[in-house]
Structures are given as C-alpha cells and as structure tokens.
Amino acid sequence: AALALLVYEQFLKIKNLKWQDYRENALKRLNAFKIGSHKMEEF
C-alpha cells in the first residue's frame, strides 16, 4: 500500500499536480481496497 501511494505521488509530480490535494482521497480509496482471495485469507 505504501509503495502504491509513493508511485501515485510521483505520477502526480510528473503531471505537475500537488500530492497534498490528493492525499486524503487516496487514503480513503486505498483503505476500501479488498485484498484478493488466497492471500492471507482468514476463515
């Protein structure tokens, strides 16, 4: 998750967009992400 955010931040930088303007929304979006099945899936 941290690396996905870092790439996102760098992509915004290349596009001349400000990370601060996108950060909160990015965290919300990422926290809603569901880890795929068969990866540390508890039952």
All heavy atoms as atom14 arrays in JSON, in Angstrom:
{
  "sequence": "AALALLVYEQFLKIKNLKWQDYRENALKRLNAFKIGSHKMEEF",
  "atom14_mask": [
    [1, 1, 1, 1, 1, 0, 0, 0, 0, 0, 0, 0, 0, 0],
    [1, 1, 1, 1, 1, 0, 0, 0, 0, 0, 0, 0, 0, 0],
    [1, 1, 1, 1, 1, 1, 1, 1, 0, 0, 0, 0, 0, 0],
    [1, 1, 1, 1, 1, 0, 0, 0, 0, 0, 0, 0, 0, 0],
    [1, 1, 1, 1, 1, 1, 1, 1, 0, 0, 0, 0, 0, 0],
    [1, 1, 1, 1, 1, 1, 1, 1, 0, 0, 0, 0, 0, 0],
    [1, 1, 1, 1, 1, 1, 1, 0, 0, 0, 0, 0, 0, 0],
    [1, 1, 1, 1, 1, 1, 1, 1, 1, 1, 1, 1, 0, 0],
    [1, 1, 1, 1, 1, 1, 1, 1, 1, 0, 0, 0, 0, 0],
    [1, 1, 1, 1, 1, 1, 1, 1, 1, 0, 0, 0, 0, 0],
    [1, 1, 1, 1, 1, 1, 1, 1, 1, 1, 1, 0, 0, 0],
    [1, 1, 1, 1, 1, 1, 1, 1, 0, 0, 0, 0, 0, 0],
    [1, 1, 1, 1, 1, 1, 1, 1, 1, 0, 0, 0, 0, 0],
    [1, 1, 1, 1, 1, 1, 1, 1, 0, 0, 0, 0, 0, 0],
    [1, 1, 1, 1, 1, 1, 1, 1, 1, 0, 0, 0, 0, 0],
    [1, 1, 1, 1, 1, 1, 1, 1, 0, 0, 0, 0, 0, 0],
    [1, 1, 1, 1, 1, 1, 1, 1, 0, 0, 0, 0, 0, 0],
    [1, 1, 1, 1, 1, 1, 1, 1, 1, 0, 0, 0, 0, 0],
    [1, 1, 1, 1, 1, 1, 1, 1, 1, 1, 1, 1, 1, 1],
    [1, 1, 1, 1, 1, 1, 1, 1, 1, 0, 0, 0, 0, 0],
    [1, 1, 1, 1, 1, 1, 1, 1, 0, 0, 0, 0, 0, 0],
    [1, 1, 1, 1, 1, 1, 1, 1, 1, 1, 1, 1, 0, 0],
    [1, 1, 1, 1, 1, 1, 1, 1, 1, 1, 1, 0, 0, 0],
    [1, 1, 1, 1, 1, 1, 1, 1, 1, 0, 0, 0, 0, 0],
    [1, 1, 1, 1, 1, 1, 1, 1, 0, 0, 0, 0, 0, 0],
    [1, 1, 1, 1, 1, 0, 0, 0, 0, 0, 0, 0, 0, 0],
    [1, 1, 1, 1, 1, 1, 1, 1, 0, 0, 0, 0, 0, 0],
    [1, 1, 1, 1, 1, 1, 1, 1, 1, 0, 0, 0, 0, 0],
    [1, 1, 1, 1, 1, 1, 1, 1, 1, 1, 1, 0, 0, 0],
    [1, 1, 1, 1, 1, 1, 1, 1, 0, 0, 0, 0, 0, 0],
    [1, 1, 1, 1, 1, 1, 1, 1, 0, 0, 0, 0, 0, 0],
    [1, 1, 1, 1, 1, 0, 0, 0, 0, 0, 0, 0, 0, 0],
    [1, 1, 1, 1, 1, 1, 1, 1, 1, 1, 1, 0, 0, 0],
    [1, 1, 1, 1, 1, 1, 1, 1, 1, 0, 0, 0, 0, 0],
    [1, 1, 1, 1, 1, 1, 1, 1, 0, 0, 0, 0, 0, 0],
    [1, 1, 1, 1, 0, 0, 0, 0, 0, 0, 0, 0, 0, 0],
    [1, 1, 1, 1, 1, 1, 0, 0, 0, 0, 0, 0, 0, 0],
    [1, 1, 1, 1, 1, 1, 1, 1, 1, 1, 0, 0, 0, 0],
    [1, 1, 1, 1, 1, 1, 1, 1, 1, 0, 0, 0, 0, 0],
    [1, 1, 1, 1, 1, 1, 1, 1, 0, 0, 0, 0, 0, 0],
    [1, 1, 1, 1, 1, 1, 1, 1, 1, 0, 0, 0, 0, 0],
    [1, 1, 1, 1, 1, 1, 1, 1, 1, 0, 0, 0, 0, 0],
    [1, 1, 1, 1, 1, 1, 1, 1, 1, 1, 1, 0, 0, 0]
  ],
  "atom14_positions": [
    [[0.83, -1.21, 0.0], [0.0, 0.0, 0.0], [0.87, 1.26, 0.0], [0.61, 2.22, -0.74], [-0.92, -0.01, 1.22], [0.0, 0.0, 0.0], [0.0, 0.0, 0.0], [0.0, 0.0, 0.0], [0.0, 0.0, 0.0], [0.0, 0.0, 0.0], [0.0, 0.0, 0.0], [0.0, 0.0, 0.0], [0.0, 0.0, 0.0], [0.0, 0.0, 0.0]],
    [[1.92, 1.25, 0.82], [2.82, 2.41, 0.9], [3.49, 2.67, -0.45], [3.59, 3.82, -0.9], [3.87, 2.17, 1.99], [0.0, 0.0, 0.0], [0.0, 0.0, 0.0], [0.0, 0.0, 0.0], [0.0, 0.0, 0.0], [0.0, 0.0, 0.0], [0.0, 0.0, 0.0], [0.0, 0.0, 0.0], [0.0, 0.0, 0.0], [0.0, 0.0, 0.0]],
    [[3.92, 1.59, -1.12], [4.59, 1.76, -2.42], [3.61, 2.21, -3.5], [3.96, 3.02, -4.37], [5.28, 0.45, -2.82], [6.53, 0.11, -1.99], [7.01, -1.3, -2.3], [7.65, 1.12, -2.19], [0.0, 0.0, 0.0], [0.0, 0.0, 0.0], [0.0, 0.0, 0.0], [0.0, 0.0, 0.0], [0.0, 0.0, 0.0], [0.0, 0.0, 0.0]],
    [[2.37, 1.72, -3.44], [1.35, 2.18, -4.4], [1.14, 3.69, -4.23], [1.05, 4.43, -5.22], [0.03, 1.43, -4.17], [0.0, 0.0, 0.0], [0.0, 0.0, 0.0], [0.0, 0.0, 0.0], [0.0, 0.0, 0.0], [0.0, 0.0, 0.0], [0.0, 0.0, 0.0], [0.0, 0.0, 0.0], [0.0, 0.0, 0.0], [0.0, 0.0, 0.0]],
    [[1.12, 4.16, -2.98], [0.97, 5.6, -2.72], [2.19, 6.39, -3.21], [2.05, 7.49, -3.75], [0.77, 5.84, -1.22], [-0.61, 5.47, -0.67], [-0.6, 5.49, 0.85], [-1.7, 6.41, -1.19], [0.0, 0.0, 0.0], [0.0, 0.0, 0.0], [0.0, 0.0, 0.0], [0.0, 0.0, 0.0], [0.0, 0.0, 0.0], [0.0, 0.0, 0.0]],
    [[3.38, 5.82, -3.02], [4.6, 6.51, -3.47], [4.61, 6.67, -5.0], [4.93, 7.75, -5.52], [5.84, 5.73, -3.0], [7.21, 6.26, -3.44], [7.42, 7.71, -2.99], [8.35, 5.38, -2.91], [0.0, 0.0, 0.0], [0.0, 0.0, 0.0], [0.0, 0.0, 0.0], [0.0, 0.0, 0.0], [0.0, 0.0, 0.0], [0.0, 0.0, 0.0]],
    [[4.24, 5.61, -5.72], [4.19, 5.7, -7.19], [3.14, 6.74, -7.6], [3.37, 7.56, -8.49], [3.88, 4.32, -7.83], [3.73, 4.48, -9.35], [4.97, 3.3, -7.5], [0.0, 0.0, 0.0], [0.0, 0.0, 0.0], [0.0, 0.0, 0.0], [0.0, 0.0, 0.0], [0.0, 0.0, 0.0], [0.0, 0.0, 0.0], [0.0, 0.0, 0.0]],
    [[2.0, 6.72, -6.92], [0.91, 7.67, -7.19], [1.41, 9.11, -6.98], [1.21, 9.99, -7.83], [-0.26, 7.36, -6.27], [-1.5, 8.21, -6.45], [-2.04, 8.46, -7.71], [-2.16, 8.77, -5.34], [-3.19, 9.24, -7.86], [-3.31, 9.53, -5.49], [-3.81, 9.77, -6.75], [-4.95, 10.53, -6.9], [0.0, 0.0, 0.0], [0.0, 0.0, 0.0]],
    [[2.09, 9.33, -5.87], [2.63, 10.67, -5.57], [3.61, 11.13, -6.66], [3.59, 12.27, -7.11], [3.32, 10.64, -4.18], [3.89, 11.98, -3.77], [5.38, 11.99, -3.56], [6.08, 11.01, -3.92], [5.87, 13.01, -3.05], [0.0, 0.0, 0.0], [0.0, 0.0, 0.0], [0.0, 0.0, 0.0], [0.0, 0.0, 0.0], [0.0, 0.0, 0.0]],
    [[4.48, 10.19, -7.09], [5.47, 10.54, -8.13], [4.79, 10.79, -9.48], [5.21, 11.67, -10.23], [6.51, 9.41, -8.25], [7.44, 9.32, -7.04], [8.32, 10.56, -6.87], [8.91, 11.08, -7.81], [8.39, 11.07, -5.66], [0.0, 0.0, 0.0], [0.0, 0.0, 0.0], [0.0, 0.0, 0.0], [0.0, 0.0, 0.0], [0.0, 0.0, 0.0]],
    [[3.75, 10.03, -9.78], [2.98, 10.24, -11.02], [2.35, 11.64, -11.01], [2.4, 12.37, -12.02], [1.91, 9.15, -11.16], [0.98, 9.36, -12.32], [1.36, 8.96, -13.6], [-0.27, 9.95, -12.15], [0.51, 9.17, -14.69], [-1.13, 10.16, -13.24], [-0.73, 9.76, -14.5], [0.0, 0.0, 0.0], [0.0, 0.0, 0.0], [0.0, 0.0, 0.0]],
    [[1.76, 12.03, -9.88], [1.16, 13.36, -9.76], [2.21, 14.45, -9.97], [1.97, 15.45, -10.63], [0.5, 13.53, -8.38], [-0.74, 12.66, -8.09], [-1.12, 12.77, -6.62], [-1.92, 13.06, -8.98], [0.0, 0.0, 0.0], [0.0, 0.0, 0.0], [0.0, 0.0, 0.0], [0.0, 0.0, 0.0], [0.0, 0.0, 0.0], [0.0, 0.0, 0.0]],
    [[3.39, 14.21, -9.39], [4.5, 15.16, -9.52], [4.87, 15.38, -11.0], [5.06, 16.51, -11.45], [5.71, 14.6, -8.74], [6.76, 15.64, -8.39], [7.77, 14.97, -7.46], [8.93, 15.71, -7.14], [9.84, 14.92, -6.25], [0.0, 0.0, 0.0], [0.0, 0.0, 0.0], [0.0, 0.0, 0.0], [0.0, 0.0, 0.0], [0.0, 0.0, 0.0]],
    [[4.96, 14.24, -11.74], [5.28, 14.31, -13.18], [4.2, 15.12, -13.92], [4.49, 15.86, -14.85], [5.43, 12.88, -13.77], [6.69, 12.21, -13.18], [5.49, 12.9, -15.29], [6.77, 10.7, -13.41], [0.0, 0.0, 0.0], [0.0, 0.0, 0.0], [0.0, 0.0, 0.0], [0.0, 0.0, 0.0], [0.0, 0.0, 0.0], [0.0, 0.0, 0.0]],
    [[2.95, 15.0, -13.44], [1.81, 15.71, -14.06], [1.67, 17.16, -13.54], [0.67, 17.85, -13.84], [0.5, 14.97, -13.74], [0.37, 13.61, -14.43], [-0.19, 13.76, -15.81], [-0.42, 12.52, -16.55], [-0.63, 12.69, -17.96], [0.0, 0.0, 0.0], [0.0, 0.0, 0.0], [0.0, 0.0, 0.0], [0.0, 0.0, 0.0], [0.0, 0.0, 0.0]],
    [[2.64, 17.57, -12.7], [2.6, 18.92, -12.07], [1.37, 19.12, -11.19], [0.78, 20.21, -11.13], [2.68, 20.03, -13.13], [4.07, 20.09, -13.74], [5.07, 19.97, -13.02], [4.15, 20.25, -15.05], [0.0, 0.0, 0.0], [0.0, 0.0, 0.0], [0.0, 0.0, 0.0], [0.0, 0.0, 0.0], [0.0, 0.0, 0.0], [0.0, 0.0, 0.0]],
    [[0.94, 18.05, -10.52], [-0.19, 18.14, -9.6], [0.34, 17.99, -8.17], [1.36, 17.34, -7.93], [-1.22, 17.04, -9.9], [-1.86, 17.14, -11.3], [-2.56, 15.83, -11.67], [-2.84, 18.3, -11.36], [0.0, 0.0, 0.0], [0.0, 0.0, 0.0], [0.0, 0.0, 0.0], [0.0, 0.0, 0.0], [0.0, 0.0, 0.0], [0.0, 0.0, 0.0]],
    [[-0.39, 18.57, -7.2], [0.1, 18.58, -5.81], [-0.42, 17.37, -5.02], [-1.64, 17.14, -4.96], [-0.35, 19.87, -5.12], [0.43, 21.11, -5.59], [0.12, 22.29, -4.66], [0.97, 23.52, -4.98], [0.54, 24.15, -6.19], [0.0, 0.0, 0.0], [0.0, 0.0, 0.0], [0.0, 0.0, 0.0], [0.0, 0.0, 0.0], [0.0, 0.0, 0.0]],
    [[0.52, 16.66, -4.41], [0.19, 15.48, -3.61], [-0.8, 15.82, -2.48], [-1.76, 15.08, -2.23], [1.51, 14.9, -3.07], [1.4, 13.86, -1.99], [1.96, 13.91, -0.75], [0.71, 12.6, -2.05], [1.68, 12.77, -0.05], [0.89, 11.95, -0.83], [-0.07, 11.97, -3.04], [0.35, 10.71, -0.54], [-0.62, 10.72, -2.75], [-0.4, 10.11, -1.53]],
    [[-0.61, 16.98, -1.86], [-1.49, 17.38, -0.74], [-2.96, 17.41, -1.17], [-3.84, 17.12, -0.37], [-1.12, 18.79, -0.19], [0.25, 18.97, 0.29], [1.22, 19.38, -0.8], [1.55, 18.55, -1.62], [1.64, 20.65, -0.83], [0.0, 0.0, 0.0], [0.0, 0.0, 0.0], [0.0, 0.0, 0.0], [0.0, 0.0, 0.0], [0.0, 0.0, 0.0]],
    [[-3.2, 17.78, -2.43], [-4.59, 17.9, -2.91], [-5.26, 16.53, -3.1], [-6.47, 16.44, -3.22], [-4.64, 18.65, -4.25], [-4.11, 20.07, -4.14], [-4.0, 20.56, -2.99], [-3.78, 20.69, -5.19], [0.0, 0.0, 0.0], [0.0, 0.0, 0.0], [0.0, 0.0, 0.0], [0.0, 0.0, 0.0], [0.0, 0.0, 0.0], [0.0, 0.0, 0.0]],
    [[-4.46, 15.5, -3.17], [-4.99, 14.17, -3.5], [-4.85, 13.17, -2.33], [-5.44, 12.1, -2.37], [-4.25, 13.58, -4.73], [-4.58, 14.28, -6.02], [-3.97, 15.48, -6.37], [-5.5, 13.74, -6.9], [-4.28, 16.12, -7.56], [-5.81, 14.37, -8.1], [-5.19, 15.56, -8.42], [-5.51, 16.19, -9.6], [0.0, 0.0, 0.0], [0.0, 0.0, 0.0]],
    [[-4.03, 13.55, -1.35], [-3.64, 12.58, -0.31], [-4.83, 11.99, 0.45], [-4.95, 10.77, 0.59], [-2.65, 13.24, 0.66], [-2.03, 12.22, 1.64], [-0.89, 12.85, 2.45], [-1.37, 13.98, 3.22], [-0.62, 14.91, 3.75], [0.67, 14.85, 3.61], [-1.12, 15.91, 4.44], [0.0, 0.0, 0.0], [0.0, 0.0, 0.0], [0.0, 0.0, 0.0]],
    [[-5.72, 12.84, 0.95], [-6.82, 12.34, 1.79], [-7.7, 11.36, 1.02], [-8.09, 10.3, 1.52], [-7.67, 13.51, 2.32], [-6.97, 14.34, 3.41], [-6.26, 13.48, 4.46], [-6.94, 12.62, 5.04], [-5.03, 13.65, 4.68], [0.0, 0.0, 0.0], [0.0, 0.0, 0.0], [0.0, 0.0, 0.0], [0.0, 0.0, 0.0], [0.0, 0.0, 0.0]],
    [[-8.03, 11.75, -0.19], [-8.88, 10.89, -1.03], [-8.18, 9.56, -1.34], [-8.81, 8.5, -1.35], [-9.24, 11.64, -2.31], [-10.32, 10.92, -3.09], [-11.26, 10.37, -2.52], [-10.19, 10.86, -4.4], [0.0, 0.0, 0.0], [0.0, 0.0, 0.0], [0.0, 0.0, 0.0], [0.0, 0.0, 0.0], [0.0, 0.0, 0.0], [0.0, 0.0, 0.0]],
    [[-6.86, 9.63, -1.57], [-6.08, 8.42, -1.87], [-6.14, 7.45, -0.69], [-6.32, 6.24, -0.88], [-4.63, 8.79, -2.17], [0.0, 0.0, 0.0], [0.0, 0.0, 0.0], [0.0, 0.0, 0.0], [0.0, 0.0, 0.0], [0.0, 0.0, 0.0], [0.0, 0.0, 0.0], [0.0, 0.0, 0.0], [0.0, 0.0, 0.0], [0.0, 0.0, 0.0]],
    [[-6.0, 7.97, 0.53], [-6.06, 7.1, 1.72], [-7.43, 6.44, 1.85], [-7.53, 5.25, 2.16], [-5.74, 7.92, 2.98], [-4.26, 8.31, 3.14], [-4.08, 9.26, 4.3], [-3.4, 7.08, 3.34], [0.0, 0.0, 0.0], [0.0, 0.0, 0.0], [0.0, 0.0, 0.0], [0.0, 0.0, 0.0], [0.0, 0.0, 0.0], [0.0, 0.0, 0.0]],
    [[-8.48, 7.22, 1.64], [-9.86, 6.69, 1.71], [-10.02, 5.54, 0.72], [-10.54, 4.47, 1.01], [-10.88, 7.8, 1.37], [-11.45, 8.46, 2.61], [-12.56, 9.42, 2.23], [-12.59, 10.58, 3.17], [-13.05, 11.82, 2.64], [0.0, 0.0, 0.0], [0.0, 0.0, 0.0], [0.0, 0.0, 0.0], [0.0, 0.0, 0.0], [0.0, 0.0, 0.0]],
    [[-9.58, 5.81, -0.5], [-9.72, 4.83, -1.59], [-8.96, 3.55, -1.26], [-9.48, 2.45, -1.42], [-9.16, 5.45, -2.87], [-9.98, 5.22, -4.04], [-9.48, 5.88, -5.27], [-10.45, 6.84, -5.77], [-10.38, 7.46, -6.94], [-9.39, 7.23, -7.72], [-11.32, 8.3, -7.34], [0.0, 0.0, 0.0], [0.0, 0.0, 0.0], [0.0, 0.0, 0.0]],
    [[-7.74, 3.73, -0.78], [-6.87, 2.59, -0.51], [-7.42, 1.75, 0.65], [-7.38, 0.52, 0.6], [-5.46, 3.09, -0.19], [-4.32, 2.12, -0.43], [-4.38, 1.46, -1.77], [-2.97, 2.82, -0.26], [0.0, 0.0, 0.0], [0.0, 0.0, 0.0], [0.0, 0.0, 0.0], [0.0, 0.0, 0.0], [0.0, 0.0, 0.0], [0.0, 0.0, 0.0]],
    [[-7.93, 2.41, 1.66], [-8.47, 1.67, 2.81], [-9.73, 0.87, 2.47], [-10.09, -0.05, 3.18], [-8.73, 2.62, 3.98], [-7.43, 2.93, 4.73], [-6.52, 2.11, 4.79], [-7.34, 4.13, 5.31], [0.0, 0.0, 0.0], [0.0, 0.0, 0.0], [0.0, 0.0, 0.0], [0.0, 0.0, 0.0], [0.0, 0.0, 0.0], [0.0, 0.0, 0.0]],
    [[-10.36, 1.23, 1.37], [-11.54, 0.47, 0.92], [-11.13, -0.74, 0.06], [-11.97, -1.56, -0.32], [-12.46, 1.38, 0.12], [0.0, 0.0, 0.0], [0.0, 0.0, 0.0], [0.0, 0.0, 0.0], [0.0, 0.0, 0.0], [0.0, 0.0, 0.0], [0.0, 0.0, 0.0], [0.0, 0.0, 0.0], [0.0, 0.0, 0.0], [0.0, 0.0, 0.0]],
    [[-9.81, -0.85, -0.24], [-9.32, -1.92, -1.11], [-9.42, -3.29, -0.4], [-9.05, -3.44, 0.74], [-7.86, -1.65, -1.48], [-7.24, -2.69, -2.37], [-7.4, -2.63, -3.74], [-6.49, -3.75, -1.84], [-6.83, -3.59, -4.57], [-5.93, -4.71, -2.66], [-6.09, -4.62, -4.03], [0.0, 0.0, 0.0], [0.0, 0.0, 0.0], [0.0, 0.0, 0.0]],
    [[-9.93, -4.26, -1.12], [-10.05, -5.63, -0.58], [-8.91, -6.49, -1.11], [-8.73, -6.59, -2.33], [-11.4, -6.26, -0.99], [-12.63, -5.54, -0.38], [-12.89, -6.0, 1.05], [-14.09, -5.34, 1.68], [-13.87, -3.93, 2.08], [0.0, 0.0, 0.0], [0.0, 0.0, 0.0], [0.0, 0.0, 0.0], [0.0, 0.0, 0.0], [0.0, 0.0, 0.0]],
    [[-8.14, -7.05, -0.18], [-7.05, -7.96, -0.58], [-7.67, -9.17, -1.3], [-8.69, -9.71, -0.86], [-6.24, -8.45, 0.64], [-5.66, -7.25, 1.41], [-5.16, -9.45, 0.25], [-4.55, -6.5, 0.78], [0.0, 0.0, 0.0], [0.0, 0.0, 0.0], [0.0, 0.0, 0.0], [0.0, 0.0, 0.0], [0.0, 0.0, 0.0], [0.0, 0.0, 0.0]],
    [[-7.08, -9.6, -2.4], [-7.63, -10.71, -3.2], [-7.65, -12.02, -2.41], [-6.99, -12.18, -1.38], [0.0, 0.0, 0.0], [0.0, 0.0, 0.0], [0.0, 0.0, 0.0], [0.0, 0.0, 0.0], [0.0, 0.0, 0.0], [0.0, 0.0, 0.0], [0.0, 0.0, 0.0], [0.0, 0.0, 0.0], [0.0, 0.0, 0.0], [0.0, 0.0, 0.0]],
    [[-8.45, -12.95, -2.89], [-8.54, -14.25, -2.23], [-7.2, -15.02, -2.33], [-6.37, -14.74, -3.22], [-9.68, -15.08, -2.8], [-9.69, -15.02, -4.16], [0.0, 0.0, 0.0], [0.0, 0.0, 0.0], [0.0, 0.0, 0.0], [0.0, 0.0, 0.0], [0.0, 0.0, 0.0], [0.0, 0.0, 0.0], [0.0, 0.0, 0.0], [0.0, 0.0, 0.0]],
    [[-7.02, -15.95, -1.41], [-5.83, -16.82, -1.33], [-4.55, -16.09, -0.93], [-3.45, -16.59, -1.15], [-5.63, -17.62, -2.64], [-6.9, -18.18, -3.2], [-7.67, -19.1, -2.5], [-7.58, -17.91, -4.35], [-8.74, -19.38, -3.22], [-8.71, -18.68, -4.34], [0.0, 0.0, 0.0], [0.0, 0.0, 0.0], [0.0, 0.0, 0.0], [0.0, 0.0, 0.0]],
    [[-4.72, -14.86, -0.39], [-3.57, -14.12, 0.15], [-3.85, -13.84, 1.62], [-4.65, -12.97, 1.95], [-3.37, -12.79, -0.58], [-3.01, -12.92, -2.03], [-2.82, -11.54, -2.61], [-3.28, -11.43, -4.0], [-3.27, -10.11, -4.57], [0.0, 0.0, 0.0], [0.0, 0.0, 0.0], [0.0, 0.0, 0.0], [0.0, 0.0, 0.0], [0.0, 0.0, 0.0]],
    [[-3.3, -14.62, 2.49], [-3.5, -14.44, 3.93], [-4.99, -14.27, 4.27], [-5.39, -13.44, 5.08], [-2.7, -13.25, 4.44], [-1.19, -13.45, 4.38], [-0.65, -14.8, 5.45], [-0.87, -14.03, 7.07], [0.0, 0.0, 0.0], [0.0, 0.0, 0.0], [0.0, 0.0, 0.0], [0.0, 0.0, 0.0], [0.0, 0.0, 0.0], [0.0, 0.0, 0.0]],
    [[-5.8, -15.1, 3.62], [-7.26, -15.0, 3.79], [-7.68, -15.85, 5.0], [-7.55, -17.07, 5.0], [-7.93, -15.51, 2.5], [-9.4, -15.22, 2.42], [-10.0, -15.74, 1.12], [-9.24, -16.1, 0.18], [-11.23, -15.84, 1.08], [0.0, 0.0, 0.0], [0.0, 0.0, 0.0], [0.0, 0.0, 0.0], [0.0, 0.0, 0.0], [0.0, 0.0, 0.0]],
    [[-8.18, -15.19, 6.02], [-8.53, -15.87, 7.27], [-9.98, -16.36, 7.23], [-10.87, -15.64, 6.77], [-8.33, -14.93, 8.47], [-6.85, -14.5, 8.63], [-6.6, -13.65, 9.88], [-7.57, -13.42, 10.65], [-5.44, -13.25, 10.11], [0.0, 0.0, 0.0], [0.0, 0.0, 0.0], [0.0, 0.0, 0.0], [0.0, 0.0, 0.0], [0.0, 0.0, 0.0]],
    [[-10.23, -17.55, 7.72], [-11.6, -18.06, 7.88], [-11.6, -19.07, 9.03], [-10.55, -19.53, 9.47], [-12.13, -18.69, 6.57], [-11.39, -19.92, 6.11], [-11.94, -21.18, 6.29], [-10.15, -19.83, 5.48], [-11.27, -22.33, 5.86], [-9.46, -20.98, 5.05], [-10.03, -22.22, 5.24], [0.0, 0.0, 0.0], [0.0, 0.0, 0.0], [0.0, 0.0, 0.0]]
  ]
}
